[in-house]
Protein backbone atom coordinates (compact mmCIF):
# COMPACT_ATOMS: atom_id res chain seq x y z
CA MET A 1 42.07 68.13 34.92
CA ALA A 2 44.40 64.79 36.76
CA ALA A 3 43.14 65.15 40.24
CA LYS A 4 39.26 64.22 38.88
CA LYS A 5 41.00 60.75 37.52
CA LYS A 6 40.71 58.05 38.74
CA LEU A 7 44.22 56.83 40.07
CA ASP A 8 44.73 54.01 37.89
CA GLU A 9 44.30 56.01 35.25
CA LEU A 10 46.73 58.81 35.89
CA SER A 11 50.23 58.15 33.69
CA ASP A 12 53.49 57.29 35.43
CA GLY A 13 53.84 61.50 35.01
CA GLU A 14 51.16 62.91 35.71
CA LEU A 15 51.51 59.64 38.92
CA ALA A 16 53.95 61.89 39.37
CA ASP A 17 53.43 65.33 38.89
CA ARG A 18 49.73 64.60 41.75
CA PHE A 19 51.84 63.67 44.36
CA GLY A 20 54.54 66.39 43.31
CA GLU A 21 50.70 69.03 44.16
CA ILE A 22 49.37 67.16 47.20
CA ASP A 23 53.34 66.75 48.51
CA VAL A 24 54.09 70.45 48.82
CA LYS A 25 50.23 71.37 50.39
CA ARG A 26 50.85 68.91 53.34
CA ASP A 27 54.47 71.07 53.91
CA LYS A 28 52.70 74.48 53.40
CA LEU A 29 49.32 73.20 56.11
CA VAL A 30 52.35 71.78 58.22
CA ASP A 31 54.25 75.12 58.43
CA GLU A 32 50.87 76.82 59.37
CA LEU A 33 50.51 75.15 62.15
CA LYS A 34 53.11 75.79 64.07
CA PRO A 35 53.41 78.64 64.55
CA LEU A 36 49.60 77.65 65.95
CA LYS A 37 51.45 75.25 67.90
CA GLU A 38 53.66 77.40 69.18
CA GLU A 39 50.76 80.02 70.64
CA PHE A 40 48.67 76.52 72.32
CA GLU A 41 52.54 76.40 74.35
CA ARG A 42 53.09 80.35 74.88
CA ARG A 43 49.89 80.38 76.54
CA LYS A 44 49.85 76.90 78.53
CA LEU A 45 46.40 75.53 76.93
CA ASP A 46 45.68 72.37 77.80
CA PHE A 47 42.74 71.84 75.79
CA ALA A 48 40.87 75.01 73.99
CA LYS A 49 36.64 74.63 71.65
CA GLY A 50 35.48 76.60 69.53
CA GLU A 51 32.84 76.99 67.07
CA LYS A 52 33.77 73.74 64.32
CA TRP A 53 36.76 72.10 66.71
CA LYS A 54 38.10 72.02 69.86
CA LEU A 55 41.59 70.36 70.28
CA THR A 56 42.86 68.38 73.71
CA LYS A 57 46.34 68.57 74.60
CA ASP A 58 47.52 64.93 74.67
CA VAL A 59 51.30 64.10 76.80
CA GLN A 60 52.69 60.64 76.42
CA PRO A 61 55.83 59.14 78.33
CA ILE A 62 57.78 57.35 76.42
CA THR A 63 60.65 54.83 76.82
CA ARG A 64 63.00 54.70 73.85
CA PHE A 65 65.70 51.99 73.41
CA ASP A 66 69.06 53.59 73.12
CA THR A 67 71.43 51.84 70.31
CA LYS A 68 73.94 53.64 70.42
CA ALA A 69 74.48 52.99 73.12
CA ALA A 70 73.48 49.13 73.10
CA LYS A 71 76.13 49.38 70.52
CA THR A 72 79.07 50.73 71.89
CA ALA A 73 78.31 47.84 74.73
CA LEU A 74 78.16 45.45 72.39
CA GLY A 75 80.92 46.57 71.55
CA LYS A 76 81.85 44.15 68.20
CA ASP A 77 78.56 41.39 69.72
CA ALA A 78 76.17 44.18 68.80
CA ALA A 79 76.38 42.51 64.69
CA LYS A 80 75.36 39.96 66.19
CA TYR A 81 71.75 41.75 67.30
CA GLU A 82 71.96 43.25 64.26
CA LYS A 83 68.46 42.36 61.35
CA PRO A 84 68.57 43.98 57.75
CA GLY A 85 65.34 45.61 56.40
CA THR A 86 64.10 48.74 54.37
CA ARG A 87 62.70 51.46 54.57
CA THR A 88 61.14 54.14 52.01
CA GLU A 89 61.68 57.36 51.70
CA TRP A 90 59.52 59.33 48.77
CA VAL A 91 61.85 62.18 47.90
CA VAL A 92 59.82 64.58 45.80
CA ARG A 93 61.33 67.15 43.79
CA PRO A 94 60.26 69.84 40.82
CA VAL A 95 61.21 69.72 37.85
CA GLU A 96 64.20 71.44 36.57
CA ALA A 97 62.90 73.77 33.81
CA PRO A 98 65.00 73.38 30.48
């Protein structure tokens, strides 16, 4: 089975398939966590301890820079402060059957 092979032994196609399989599992797990988080919130819990796991809610304040407001305030001068960069995003889709 491809999952037992070392990653460097996988073909490009096998690597894509393994990536897709894990991505689907992750999405399902995230979907399963959502109602649990909502219930934790509904009960107004900050801490809960079971036999195997304990869960602590940790809310941390953050400050975000409002780039839209800064660009509006700076107008055309905003371009002087822009820095090009890249962002990598993996798009995973099932192969369509012929």
